[in-house]
Amino acid sequence: MPRHPIHSSTITLKLPFGMESDKEITALRAAGIPVDALGNAERGFLFVRFSDGWRSQANVFRWFAGDLGQRIRHDDIQHPPRQRGRRFQAARPLAD
């Protein structure tokens, strides 16, 4: 019996359920996932597991740089530009 290939995503991102679409696209791009203005992958394959809003409060985005089953070279991945001098910032409460 042939062995099935294992598909490991290049980038996995978990975003809150109910996030506005423009903020979602900004987060995907910041993570290095190439998406167009509608949130569709410009290359590779983007799989989204949507939250049901009850058990899970997050959507999971898995991006594969190449076609499924294709081996990915390190050169195929475009990382987002680094921002100098920024460290993790504590979450700020939302304004009412």
N, C-alpha and C. Protein backbone atom coordinates (compact mmCIF):
# COMPACT_ATOMS: atom_id res chain seq x y z
N MET A 1 0.83 -1.17 0.00
CA MET A 1 0.00 0.00 0.00
C MET A 1 0.89 1.25 0.00
N PRO A 2 0.60 2.23 -0.88
CA PRO A 2 1.43 3.42 -0.90
C PRO A 2 1.21 4.28 0.34
N ARG A 3 2.27 4.93 0.75
CA ARG A 3 2.17 5.83 1.90
C ARG A 3 1.59 7.16 1.46
N HIS A 4 0.70 7.69 2.24
CA HIS A 4 0.12 9.00 1.94
C HIS A 4 1.08 10.09 2.42
N PRO A 5 1.24 11.15 1.62
CA PRO A 5 2.13 12.22 2.06
C PRO A 5 1.56 12.94 3.27
N ILE A 6 2.45 13.42 4.09
CA ILE A 6 2.04 14.20 5.26
C ILE A 6 2.07 15.66 4.85
N HIS A 7 1.02 16.37 5.11
CA HIS A 7 0.92 17.77 4.72
C HIS A 7 1.09 18.65 5.96
N SER A 8 2.23 19.28 6.06
CA SER A 8 2.45 20.22 7.15
C SER A 8 2.32 21.63 6.59
N SER A 9 1.52 22.43 7.24
CA SER A 9 1.33 23.80 6.75
C SER A 9 2.60 24.60 6.95
N THR A 10 2.81 25.55 6.05
CA THR A 10 3.96 26.44 6.15
C THR A 10 3.73 27.44 7.27
N ILE A 11 2.53 28.00 7.35
CA ILE A 11 2.17 28.96 8.39
C ILE A 11 0.79 28.59 8.92
N THR A 12 0.64 28.58 10.25
CA THR A 12 -0.66 28.37 10.89
C THR A 12 -0.95 29.58 11.75
N LEU A 13 -2.14 30.12 11.62
CA LEU A 13 -2.52 31.32 12.35
C LEU A 13 -3.91 31.13 12.94
N LYS A 14 -4.08 31.49 14.19
CA LYS A 14 -5.36 31.39 14.87
C LYS A 14 -5.84 32.80 15.18
N LEU A 15 -7.01 33.16 14.66
CA LEU A 15 -7.55 34.51 14.85
C LEU A 15 -8.91 34.43 15.53
N PRO A 16 -9.26 35.46 16.30
CA PRO A 16 -10.54 35.45 17.03
C PRO A 16 -11.74 35.36 16.10
N PHE A 17 -12.75 34.64 16.57
CA PHE A 17 -14.02 34.52 15.87
C PHE A 17 -14.68 35.90 15.82
N GLY A 18 -15.25 36.28 14.68
CA GLY A 18 -15.96 37.54 14.55
C GLY A 18 -15.07 38.73 14.27
N MET A 19 -13.81 38.50 13.93
CA MET A 19 -12.89 39.59 13.61
C MET A 19 -13.31 40.25 12.30
N GLU A 20 -13.18 41.57 12.19
CA GLU A 20 -13.52 42.27 10.96
C GLU A 20 -12.63 41.80 9.83
N SER A 21 -13.16 41.73 8.61
CA SER A 21 -12.41 41.16 7.50
C SER A 21 -11.16 41.94 7.15
N ASP A 22 -11.18 43.28 7.24
CA ASP A 22 -9.97 44.04 6.92
C ASP A 22 -8.86 43.80 7.94
N LYS A 23 -9.23 43.64 9.20
CA LYS A 23 -8.23 43.33 10.23
C LYS A 23 -7.71 41.91 10.07
N GLU A 24 -8.58 41.00 9.65
CA GLU A 24 -8.18 39.62 9.39
C GLU A 24 -7.16 39.56 8.25
N ILE A 25 -7.42 40.29 7.17
CA ILE A 25 -6.50 40.32 6.03
C ILE A 25 -5.16 40.93 6.45
N THR A 26 -5.20 41.99 7.25
CA THR A 26 -3.97 42.61 7.75
C THR A 26 -3.17 41.61 8.59
N ALA A 27 -3.85 40.85 9.44
CA ALA A 27 -3.16 39.86 10.28
C ALA A 27 -2.55 38.74 9.43
N LEU A 28 -3.28 38.28 8.41
CA LEU A 28 -2.76 37.24 7.53
C LEU A 28 -1.50 37.72 6.81
N ARG A 29 -1.55 38.93 6.30
CA ARG A 29 -0.38 39.50 5.60
C ARG A 29 0.79 39.70 6.55
N ALA A 30 0.52 40.15 7.77
CA ALA A 30 1.58 40.35 8.76
C ALA A 30 2.26 39.04 9.13
N ALA A 31 1.51 37.95 9.06
CA ALA A 31 2.07 36.63 9.37
C ALA A 31 2.87 36.07 8.20
N GLY A 32 2.76 36.71 7.02
CA GLY A 32 3.51 36.25 5.86
C GLY A 32 2.69 35.46 4.86
N ILE A 33 1.37 35.43 5.05
CA ILE A 33 0.49 34.71 4.13
C ILE A 33 0.08 35.67 3.01
N PRO A 34 0.40 35.35 1.75
CA PRO A 34 0.08 36.26 0.65
C PRO A 34 -1.39 36.15 0.26
N VAL A 35 -2.19 37.13 0.67
CA VAL A 35 -3.61 37.14 0.34
C VAL A 35 -3.95 38.43 -0.42
N ASP A 36 -5.00 38.35 -1.25
CA ASP A 36 -5.46 39.53 -1.98
C ASP A 36 -6.44 40.32 -1.11
N ALA A 37 -7.05 41.32 -1.67
CA ALA A 37 -7.96 42.20 -0.92
C ALA A 37 -9.20 41.48 -0.39
N LEU A 38 -9.53 40.32 -0.96
CA LEU A 38 -10.69 39.55 -0.50
C LEU A 38 -10.32 38.46 0.50
N GLY A 39 -9.01 38.27 0.73
CA GLY A 39 -8.57 37.25 1.67
C GLY A 39 -8.27 35.92 1.02
N ASN A 40 -8.24 35.87 -0.32
CA ASN A 40 -7.89 34.64 -1.03
C ASN A 40 -6.39 34.55 -1.20
N ALA A 41 -5.85 33.34 -1.10
CA ALA A 41 -4.40 33.15 -1.27
C ALA A 41 -3.98 33.50 -2.69
N GLU A 42 -2.93 34.32 -2.80
CA GLU A 42 -2.43 34.70 -4.12
C GLU A 42 -1.59 33.58 -4.73
N ARG A 43 -1.02 32.75 -3.88
CA ARG A 43 -0.30 31.56 -4.33
C ARG A 43 -0.33 30.56 -3.18
N GLY A 44 -0.06 29.32 -3.52
CA GLY A 44 -0.14 28.28 -2.51
C GLY A 44 -1.59 27.91 -2.26
N PHE A 45 -1.86 27.39 -1.07
CA PHE A 45 -3.20 26.92 -0.71
C PHE A 45 -3.50 27.37 0.70
N LEU A 46 -4.64 28.02 0.90
CA LEU A 46 -5.06 28.48 2.22
C LEU A 46 -6.28 27.70 2.67
N PHE A 47 -6.14 26.98 3.76
CA PHE A 47 -7.23 26.20 4.34
C PHE A 47 -7.70 26.93 5.59
N VAL A 48 -9.00 27.11 5.74
CA VAL A 48 -9.55 27.80 6.90
C VAL A 48 -10.54 26.88 7.61
N ARG A 49 -10.33 26.70 8.91
CA ARG A 49 -11.30 25.99 9.73
C ARG A 49 -12.01 27.04 10.57
N PHE A 50 -13.28 27.28 10.21
CA PHE A 50 -14.04 28.33 10.86
C PHE A 50 -14.56 27.85 12.21
N SER A 51 -14.67 28.79 13.13
CA SER A 51 -15.21 28.53 14.45
C SER A 51 -16.70 28.28 14.34
N ASP A 52 -17.21 27.50 15.25
CA ASP A 52 -18.66 27.32 15.28
C ASP A 52 -19.30 28.34 16.22
N GLY A 53 -18.48 29.17 16.86
CA GLY A 53 -18.99 30.21 17.75
C GLY A 53 -19.48 29.70 19.09
N TRP A 54 -19.40 28.40 19.29
CA TRP A 54 -19.88 27.83 20.54
C TRP A 54 -18.74 27.15 21.29
N ARG A 55 -18.20 26.09 20.72
CA ARG A 55 -17.08 25.40 21.37
C ARG A 55 -15.77 26.12 21.15
N SER A 56 -15.58 26.64 19.95
CA SER A 56 -14.33 27.29 19.60
C SER A 56 -14.61 28.76 19.28
N GLN A 57 -13.81 29.63 19.80
CA GLN A 57 -13.99 31.06 19.57
C GLN A 57 -12.90 31.62 18.67
N ALA A 58 -12.31 30.74 17.81
CA ALA A 58 -11.23 31.19 16.93
C ALA A 58 -11.32 30.47 15.59
N ASN A 59 -10.91 31.18 14.53
CA ASN A 59 -10.76 30.59 13.20
C ASN A 59 -9.29 30.23 13.02
N VAL A 60 -9.02 29.09 12.42
CA VAL A 60 -7.65 28.64 12.21
C VAL A 60 -7.36 28.68 10.71
N PHE A 61 -6.29 29.40 10.35
CA PHE A 61 -5.86 29.54 8.97
C PHE A 61 -4.57 28.75 8.80
N ARG A 62 -4.57 27.84 7.84
CA ARG A 62 -3.36 27.06 7.53
C ARG A 62 -2.99 27.32 6.08
N TRP A 63 -1.78 27.86 5.88
CA TRP A 63 -1.33 28.19 4.53
C TRP A 63 -0.20 27.25 4.14
N PHE A 64 -0.33 26.69 2.95
CA PHE A 64 0.67 25.79 2.38
C PHE A 64 1.32 26.55 1.22
N ALA A 65 2.64 26.75 1.27
CA ALA A 65 3.33 27.57 0.27
C ALA A 65 3.24 26.98 -1.12
N GLY A 66 3.20 25.66 -1.25
CA GLY A 66 3.11 25.02 -2.56
C GLY A 66 1.84 24.19 -2.63
N ASP A 67 1.68 23.50 -3.74
CA ASP A 67 0.54 22.60 -3.86
C ASP A 67 0.67 21.48 -2.84
N LEU A 68 -0.45 20.92 -2.45
CA LEU A 68 -0.42 19.81 -1.49
C LEU A 68 0.39 18.66 -2.09
N GLY A 69 1.27 18.13 -1.31
CA GLY A 69 2.11 17.02 -1.76
C GLY A 69 3.42 17.49 -2.37
N GLN A 70 3.57 18.78 -2.62
CA GLN A 70 4.80 19.32 -3.19
C GLN A 70 5.76 19.66 -2.07
N ARG A 71 7.03 19.37 -2.27
CA ARG A 71 8.03 19.72 -1.27
C ARG A 71 8.30 21.22 -1.38
N ILE A 72 8.41 21.88 -0.26
CA ILE A 72 8.60 23.32 -0.21
C ILE A 72 10.08 23.62 0.03
N ARG A 73 10.61 24.53 -0.80
CA ARG A 73 11.98 25.00 -0.59
C ARG A 73 11.92 26.22 0.31
N HIS A 74 12.98 26.43 1.06
CA HIS A 74 13.04 27.58 1.96
C HIS A 74 12.88 28.89 1.17
N ASP A 75 13.34 28.94 -0.07
CA ASP A 75 13.26 30.15 -0.89
C ASP A 75 11.83 30.47 -1.30
N ASP A 76 10.90 29.51 -1.22
CA ASP A 76 9.51 29.73 -1.61
C ASP A 76 8.73 30.56 -0.59
N ILE A 77 9.27 30.68 0.61
CA ILE A 77 8.56 31.34 1.70
C ILE A 77 9.04 32.79 1.79
N GLN A 78 8.11 33.72 1.73
CA GLN A 78 8.44 35.13 1.88
C GLN A 78 8.01 35.56 3.27
N HIS A 79 8.99 35.83 4.11
CA HIS A 79 8.69 36.24 5.48
C HIS A 79 8.36 37.72 5.52
N PRO A 80 7.50 38.13 6.45
CA PRO A 80 7.18 39.55 6.56
C PRO A 80 8.42 40.32 7.01
N PRO A 81 8.52 41.61 6.66
CA PRO A 81 9.68 42.39 7.09
C PRO A 81 9.71 42.51 8.61
N ARG A 82 10.91 42.48 9.15
CA ARG A 82 11.05 42.61 10.60
C ARG A 82 10.92 44.06 11.01
N GLN A 83 10.33 44.24 12.16
CA GLN A 83 10.21 45.60 12.70
C GLN A 83 11.18 45.72 13.85
N ARG A 84 12.09 46.65 13.75
CA ARG A 84 13.12 46.82 14.76
C ARG A 84 12.59 47.57 15.98
N GLY A 85 13.06 47.16 17.13
CA GLY A 85 12.77 47.88 18.35
C GLY A 85 11.40 47.64 18.95
N ARG A 86 10.61 46.77 18.34
CA ARG A 86 9.28 46.50 18.90
C ARG A 86 9.31 45.17 19.64
N ARG A 87 8.85 45.19 20.81
CA ARG A 87 8.72 43.98 21.62
C ARG A 87 7.24 43.69 21.77
N PHE A 88 6.95 42.54 22.35
CA PHE A 88 5.55 42.22 22.61
C PHE A 88 4.94 43.29 23.50
N GLN A 89 3.78 43.72 23.15
CA GLN A 89 3.10 44.72 23.93
C GLN A 89 1.95 44.07 24.68
N ALA A 90 1.74 44.51 25.88
CA ALA A 90 0.64 43.98 26.67
C ALA A 90 -0.68 44.37 26.01
N ALA A 91 -1.62 43.48 26.09
CA ALA A 91 -2.93 43.75 25.50
C ALA A 91 -3.59 44.90 26.21
N ARG A 92 -4.11 45.83 25.45
CA ARG A 92 -4.80 46.97 26.02
C ARG A 92 -6.29 46.73 26.00
N PRO A 93 -7.01 47.18 27.01
CA PRO A 93 -8.47 46.99 26.98
C PRO A 93 -9.08 47.83 25.87
N LEU A 94 -10.14 47.29 25.26
CA LEU A 94 -10.82 47.99 24.19
C LEU A 94 -11.63 49.16 24.74
N ALA A 95 -11.64 50.25 24.00
CA ALA A 95 -12.43 51.41 24.42
C ALA A 95 -13.91 51.13 24.17
N ASP A 96 -14.73 51.58 25.04
CA ASP A 96 -16.19 51.37 24.89
C ASP A 96 -16.77 52.31 23.90
